[in-house]
Amino acid sequence: MEKECISYEKAVDLAVQLVPKEEIYRANGNWENGLTDIVSALFQIADDIYNRINQDDDDVQP
């Protein structure tokens, strides 16, 4: 069976779907810290999704 991979763009899309819209709206009101924190967290989540899905089977950790 061939292993499926995803693009980083798709990983970001999935990460955005995981964050409740209320959190994004709330952070939008606090430009200095809140929005930066949300964006940073989204990219950390996207990195994790991308790396876990695209890792080699030999690198899989429980």
PDB file of N, CA and C in Angstrom:
ATOM      1  N   MET A   1       0.836  -1.180   0.000  1.00  0.00           N
ATOM      2  CA  MET A   1       0.000   0.000   0.000  1.00  0.00           C
ATOM      3  C   MET A   1       0.882   1.245   0.000  1.00  0.00           C
ATOM      4  N   GLU A   2       0.580   2.170  -0.888  1.00  0.00           N
ATOM      5  CA  GLU A   2       1.381   3.384  -1.001  1.00  0.00           C
ATOM      6  C   GLU A   2       0.987   4.392   0.079  1.00  0.00           C
ATOM      7  N   LYS A   3       1.993   4.991   0.683  1.00  0.00           N
ATOM      8  CA  LYS A   3       1.765   5.973   1.740  1.00  0.00           C
ATOM      9  C   LYS A   3       1.341   7.300   1.130  1.00  0.00           C
ATOM     10  N   GLU A   4       0.287   7.896   1.694  1.00  0.00           N
ATOM     11  CA  GLU A   4      -0.166   9.197   1.218  1.00  0.00           C
ATOM     12  C   GLU A   4       0.590  10.307   1.926  1.00  0.00           C
ATOM     13  N   CYS A   5       0.869  11.368   1.201  1.00  0.00           N
ATOM     14  CA  CYS A   5       1.515  12.553   1.760  1.00  0.00           C
ATOM     15  C   CYS A   5       0.592  13.741   1.523  1.00  0.00           C
ATOM     16  N   ILE A   6       0.797  14.793   2.300  1.00  0.00           N
ATOM     17  CA  ILE A   6       0.020  16.007   2.096  1.00  0.00           C
ATOM     18  C   ILE A   6       0.960  17.184   1.889  1.00  0.00           C
ATOM     19  N   SER A   7       0.427  18.223   1.295  1.00  0.00           N
ATOM     20  CA  SER A   7       1.211  19.447   1.110  1.00  0.00           C
ATOM     21  C   SER A   7       1.191  20.249   2.411  1.00  0.00           C
ATOM     22  N   TYR A   8       2.145  21.149   2.536  1.00  0.00           N
ATOM     23  CA  TYR A   8       2.171  22.008   3.723  1.00  0.00           C
ATOM     24  C   TYR A   8       0.939  22.911   3.729  1.00  0.00           C
ATOM     25  N   GLU A   9       0.492  23.331   2.548  1.00  0.00           N
ATOM     26  CA  GLU A   9      -0.713  24.165   2.448  1.00  0.00           C
ATOM     27  C   GLU A   9      -1.918  23.439   3.038  1.00  0.00           C
ATOM     28  N   LYS A  10      -2.058  22.154   2.757  1.00  0.00           N
ATOM     29  CA  LYS A  10      -3.161  21.359   3.304  1.00  0.00           C
ATOM     30  C   LYS A  10      -3.018  21.218   4.817  1.00  0.00           C
ATOM     31  N   ALA A  11      -1.798  21.069   5.303  1.00  0.00           N
ATOM     32  CA  ALA A  11      -1.573  20.979   6.748  1.00  0.00           C
ATOM     33  C   ALA A  11      -1.998  22.272   7.439  1.00  0.00           C
ATOM     34  N   VAL A  12      -1.698  23.414   6.832  1.00  0.00           N
ATOM     35  CA  VAL A  12      -2.122  24.708   7.398  1.00  0.00           C
ATOM     36  C   VAL A  12      -3.646  24.794   7.390  1.00  0.00           C
ATOM     37  N   ASP A  13      -4.268  24.361   6.306  1.00  0.00           N
ATOM     38  CA  ASP A  13      -5.726  24.373   6.216  1.00  0.00           C
ATOM     39  C   ASP A  13      -6.344  23.528   7.328  1.00  0.00           C
ATOM     40  N   LEU A  14      -5.792  22.356   7.576  1.00  0.00           N
ATOM     41  CA  LEU A  14      -6.289  21.492   8.646  1.00  0.00           C
ATOM     42  C   LEU A  14      -6.097  22.142  10.015  1.00  0.00           C
ATOM     43  N   ALA A  15      -4.960  22.781  10.223  1.00  0.00           N
ATOM     44  CA  ALA A  15      -4.692  23.456  11.496  1.00  0.00           C
ATOM     45  C   ALA A  15      -5.702  24.573  11.734  1.00  0.00           C
ATOM     46  N   VAL A  16      -6.008  25.338  10.705  1.00  0.00           N
ATOM     47  CA  VAL A  16      -6.981  26.433  10.830  1.00  0.00           C
ATOM     48  C   VAL A  16      -8.355  25.876  11.200  1.00  0.00           C
ATOM     49  N   GLN A  17      -8.704  24.726  10.651  1.00  0.00           N
ATOM     50  CA  GLN A  17      -9.995  24.118  10.965  1.00  0.00           C
ATOM     51  C   GLN A  17     -10.071  23.650  12.418  1.00  0.00           C
ATOM     52  N   LEU A  18      -8.928  23.366  13.031  1.00  0.00           N
ATOM     53  CA  LEU A  18      -8.910  22.892  14.415  1.00  0.00           C
ATOM     54  C   LEU A  18      -9.111  24.002  15.439  1.00  0.00           C
ATOM     55  N   VAL A  19      -8.829  25.239  15.067  1.00  0.00           N
ATOM     56  CA  VAL A  19      -8.941  26.357  16.009  1.00  0.00           C
ATOM     57  C   VAL A  19     -10.348  26.946  15.910  1.00  0.00           C
ATOM     58  N   PRO A  20     -11.057  27.008  17.054  1.00  0.00           N
ATOM     59  CA  PRO A  20     -12.411  27.577  17.026  1.00  0.00           C
ATOM     60  C   PRO A  20     -12.395  29.026  16.532  1.00  0.00           C
ATOM     61  N   LYS A  21     -13.365  29.362  15.691  1.00  0.00           N
ATOM     62  CA  LYS A  21     -13.443  30.715  15.133  1.00  0.00           C
ATOM     63  C   LYS A  21     -13.519  31.779  16.225  1.00  0.00           C
ATOM     64  N   GLU A  22     -14.155  31.456  17.354  1.00  0.00           N
ATOM     65  CA  GLU A  22     -14.268  32.423  18.448  1.00  0.00           C
ATOM     66  C   GLU A  22     -12.891  32.847  18.946  1.00  0.00           C
ATOM     67  N   GLU A  23     -11.949  31.897  18.977  1.00  0.00           N
ATOM     68  CA  GLU A  23     -10.595  32.219  19.429  1.00  0.00           C
ATOM     69  C   GLU A  23      -9.905  33.167  18.457  1.00  0.00           C
ATOM     70  N   ILE A  24     -10.120  32.957  17.176  1.00  0.00           N
ATOM     71  CA  ILE A  24      -9.515  33.837  16.175  1.00  0.00           C
ATOM     72  C   ILE A  24     -10.127  35.228  16.270  1.00  0.00           C
ATOM     73  N   TYR A  25     -11.454  35.300  16.422  1.00  0.00           N
ATOM     74  CA  TYR A  25     -12.115  36.608  16.544  1.00  0.00           C
ATOM     75  C   TYR A  25     -11.653  37.334  17.802  1.00  0.00           C
ATOM     76  N   ARG A  26     -11.514  36.605  18.908  1.00  0.00           N
ATOM     77  CA  ARG A  26     -11.066  37.207  20.166  1.00  0.00           C
ATOM     78  C   ARG A  26      -9.631  37.711  20.022  1.00  0.00           C
ATOM     79  N   ALA A  27      -8.787  36.936  19.394  1.00  0.00           N
ATOM     80  CA  ALA A  27      -7.388  37.335  19.208  1.00  0.00           C
ATOM     81  C   ALA A  27      -7.274  38.519  18.258  1.00  0.00           C
ATOM     82  N   ASN A  28      -8.199  38.605  17.321  1.00  0.00           N
ATOM     83  CA  ASN A  28      -8.177  39.695  16.352  1.00  0.00           C
ATOM     84  C   ASN A  28      -8.313  41.059  17.037  1.00  0.00           C
ATOM     85  N   GLY A  29      -8.961  41.100  18.192  1.00  0.00           N
ATOM     86  CA  GLY A  29      -9.108  42.346  18.931  1.00  0.00           C
ATOM     87  C   GLY A  29      -7.856  42.742  19.682  1.00  0.00           C
ATOM     88  N   ASN A  30      -6.926  41.824  19.837  1.00  0.00           N
ATOM     89  CA  ASN A  30      -5.685  42.098  20.565  1.00  0.00           C
ATOM     90  C   ASN A  30      -4.517  41.865  19.612  1.00  0.00           C
ATOM     91  N   TRP A  31      -4.261  42.831  18.746  1.00  0.00           N
ATOM     92  CA  TRP A  31      -3.270  42.672  17.681  1.00  0.00           C
ATOM     93  C   TRP A  31      -1.870  42.414  18.185  1.00  0.00           C
ATOM     94  N   GLU A  32      -1.501  43.013  19.312  1.00  0.00           N
ATOM     95  CA  GLU A  32      -0.104  42.916  19.747  1.00  0.00           C
ATOM     96  C   GLU A  32       0.281  41.512  20.176  1.00  0.00           C
ATOM     97  N   ASN A  33      -0.577  40.856  20.931  1.00  0.00           N
ATOM     98  CA  ASN A  33      -0.212  39.541  21.463  1.00  0.00           C
ATOM     99  C   ASN A  33      -1.110  38.414  20.969  1.00  0.00           C
ATOM    100  N   GLY A  34      -2.404  38.616  21.048  1.00  0.00           N
ATOM    101  CA  GLY A  34      -3.344  37.539  20.756  1.00  0.00           C
ATOM    102  C   GLY A  34      -3.246  36.980  19.356  1.00  0.00           C
ATOM    103  N   LEU A  35      -3.271  37.849  18.374  1.00  0.00           N
ATOM    104  CA  LEU A  35      -3.238  37.378  16.990  1.00  0.00           C
ATOM    105  C   LEU A  35      -1.906  36.714  16.662  1.00  0.00           C
ATOM    106  N   THR A  36      -0.826  37.282  17.164  1.00  0.00           N
ATOM    107  CA  THR A  36       0.498  36.692  16.946  1.00  0.00           C
ATOM    108  C   THR A  36       0.566  35.303  17.564  1.00  0.00           C
ATOM    109  N   ASP A  37       0.000  35.147  18.764  1.00  0.00           N
ATOM    110  CA  ASP A  37      -0.004  33.847  19.435  1.00  0.00           C
ATOM    111  C   ASP A  37      -0.810  32.819  18.643  1.00  0.00           C
ATOM    112  N   ILE A  38      -1.965  33.234  18.144  1.00  0.00           N
ATOM    113  CA  ILE A  38      -2.808  32.318  17.370  1.00  0.00           C
ATOM    114  C   ILE A  38      -2.104  31.881  16.088  1.00  0.00           C
ATOM    115  N   VAL A  39      -1.522  32.833  15.371  1.00  0.00           N
ATOM    116  CA  VAL A  39      -0.829  32.507  14.118  1.00  0.00           C
ATOM    117  C   VAL A  39       0.354  31.586  14.388  1.00  0.00           C
ATOM    118  N   SER A  40       1.105  31.877  15.427  1.00  0.00           N
ATOM    119  CA  SER A  40       2.246  31.031  15.794  1.00  0.00           C
ATOM    120  C   SER A  40       1.774  29.617  16.129  1.00  0.00           C
ATOM    121  N   ALA A  41       0.703  29.518  16.905  1.00  0.00           N
ATOM    122  CA  ALA A  41       0.166  28.205  17.272  1.00  0.00           C
ATOM    123  C   ALA A  41      -0.337  27.454  16.045  1.00  0.00           C
ATOM    124  N   LEU A  42      -0.981  28.163  15.120  1.00  0.00           N
ATOM    125  CA  LEU A  42      -1.472  27.515  13.900  1.00  0.00           C
ATOM    126  C   LEU A  42      -0.329  26.897  13.104  1.00  0.00           C
ATOM    127  N   PHE A  43       0.770  27.625  12.987  1.00  0.00           N
ATOM    128  CA  PHE A  43       1.895  27.083  12.225  1.00  0.00           C
ATOM    129  C   PHE A  43       2.588  25.946  12.978  1.00  0.00           C
ATOM    130  N   GLN A  44       2.581  25.972  14.300  1.00  0.00           N
ATOM    131  CA  GLN A  44       3.136  24.848  15.057  1.00  0.00           C
ATOM    132  C   GLN A  44       2.278  23.603  14.846  1.00  0.00           C
ATOM    133  N   ILE A  45       0.952  23.789  14.868  1.00  0.00           N
ATOM    134  CA  ILE A  45       0.041  22.671  14.614  1.00  0.00           C
ATOM    135  C   ILE A  45       0.233  22.153  13.190  1.00  0.00           C
ATOM    136  N   ALA A  46       0.331  23.065  12.224  1.00  0.00           N
ATOM    137  CA  ALA A  46       0.528  22.667  10.823  1.00  0.00           C
ATOM    138  C   ALA A  46       1.834  21.904  10.649  1.00  0.00           C
ATOM    139  N   ASP A  47       2.895  22.367  11.297  1.00  0.00           N
ATOM    140  CA  ASP A  47       4.177  21.656  11.232  1.00  0.00           C
ATOM    141  C   ASP A  47       4.029  20.235  11.748  1.00  0.00           C
ATOM    142  N   ASP A  48       3.332  20.096  12.876  1.00  0.00           N
ATOM    143  CA  ASP A  48       3.151  18.776  13.479  1.00  0.00           C
ATOM    144  C   ASP A  48       2.334  17.865  12.560  1.00  0.00           C
ATOM    145  N   ILE A  49       1.241  18.385  12.014  1.00  0.00           N
ATOM    146  CA  ILE A  49       0.415  17.601  11.089  1.00  0.00           C
ATOM    147  C   ILE A  49       1.239  17.169   9.882  1.00  0.00           C
ATOM    148  N   TYR A  50       1.922  18.118   9.270  1.00  0.00           N
ATOM    149  CA  TYR A  50       2.716  17.847   8.065  1.00  0.00           C
ATOM    150  C   TYR A  50       3.785  16.792   8.342  1.00  0.00           C
ATOM    151  N   ASN A  51       4.519  16.965   9.431  1.00  0.00           N
ATOM    152  CA  ASN A  51       5.609  16.037   9.751  1.00  0.00           C
ATOM    153  C   ASN A  51       5.107  14.651  10.111  1.00  0.00           C
ATOM    154  N   ARG A  52       4.011  14.566  10.851  1.00  0.00           N
ATOM    155  CA  ARG A  52       3.486  13.253  11.237  1.00  0.00           C
ATOM    156  C   ARG A  52       2.942  12.481  10.035  1.00  0.00           C
ATOM    157  N   ILE A  53       2.241  13.168   9.158  1.00  0.00           N
ATOM    158  CA  ILE A  53       1.665  12.482   8.000  1.00  0.00           C
ATOM    159  C   ILE A  53       2.740  12.102   6.993  1.00  0.00           C
ATOM    160  N   ASN A  54       3.734  12.938   6.819  1.00  0.00           N
ATOM    161  CA  ASN A  54       4.741  12.710   5.786  1.00  0.00           C
ATOM    162  C   ASN A  54       5.987  11.980   6.274  1.00  0.00           C
ATOM    163  N   GLN A  55       6.033  11.584   7.535  1.00  0.00           N
ATOM    164  CA  GLN A  55       7.225  10.898   8.030  1.00  0.00           C
ATOM    165  C   GLN A  55       7.311   9.481   7.472  1.00  0.00           C
ATOM    166  N   ASP A  56       8.512   8.962   7.429  1.00  0.00           N
ATOM    167  CA  ASP A  56       8.736   7.592   6.982  1.00  0.00           C
ATOM    168  C   ASP A  56       8.175   6.630   8.012  1.00  0.00           C
ATOM    169  N   ASP A  57       7.743   5.459   7.553  1.00  0.00           N
ATOM    170  CA  ASP A  57       7.224   4.450   8.471  1.00  0.00           C
ATOM    171  C   ASP A  57       8.264   4.043   9.504  1.00  0.00           C
ATOM    172  N   ASP A  58       9.549   4.110   9.146  1.00  0.00           N
ATOM    173  CA  ASP A  58      10.613   3.746  10.076  1.00  0.00           C
ATOM    174  C   ASP A  58      10.743   4.756  11.209  1.00  0.00           C
ATOM    175  N   ASP A  59      10.272   5.984  10.980  1.00  0.00           N
ATOM    176  CA  ASP A  59      10.395   7.049  11.972  1.00  0.00           C
ATOM    177  C   ASP A  59       9.179   7.170  12.881  1.00  0.00           C
ATOM    178  N   VAL A  60       8.165   6.337  12.676  1.00  0.00           N
ATOM    179  CA  VAL A  60       6.923   6.451  13.436  1.00  0.00           C
ATOM    180  C   VAL A  60       7.185   6.177  14.904  1.00  0.00           C
ATOM    181  N   GLN A  61       6.690   7.109  15.732  1.00  0.00           N
ATOM    182  CA  GLN A  61       6.811   6.965  17.178  1.00  0.00           C
ATOM    183  C   GLN A  61       5.414   6.900  17.772  1.00  0.00           C
ATOM    184  N   PRO A  62       5.236   6.134  18.839  1.00  0.00           N
ATOM    185  CA  PRO A  62       3.898   6.019  19.454  1.00  0.00           C
ATOM    186  C   PRO A  62       3.460   7.311  20.091  1.00  0.00           C
TER     187      PRO A  62
END
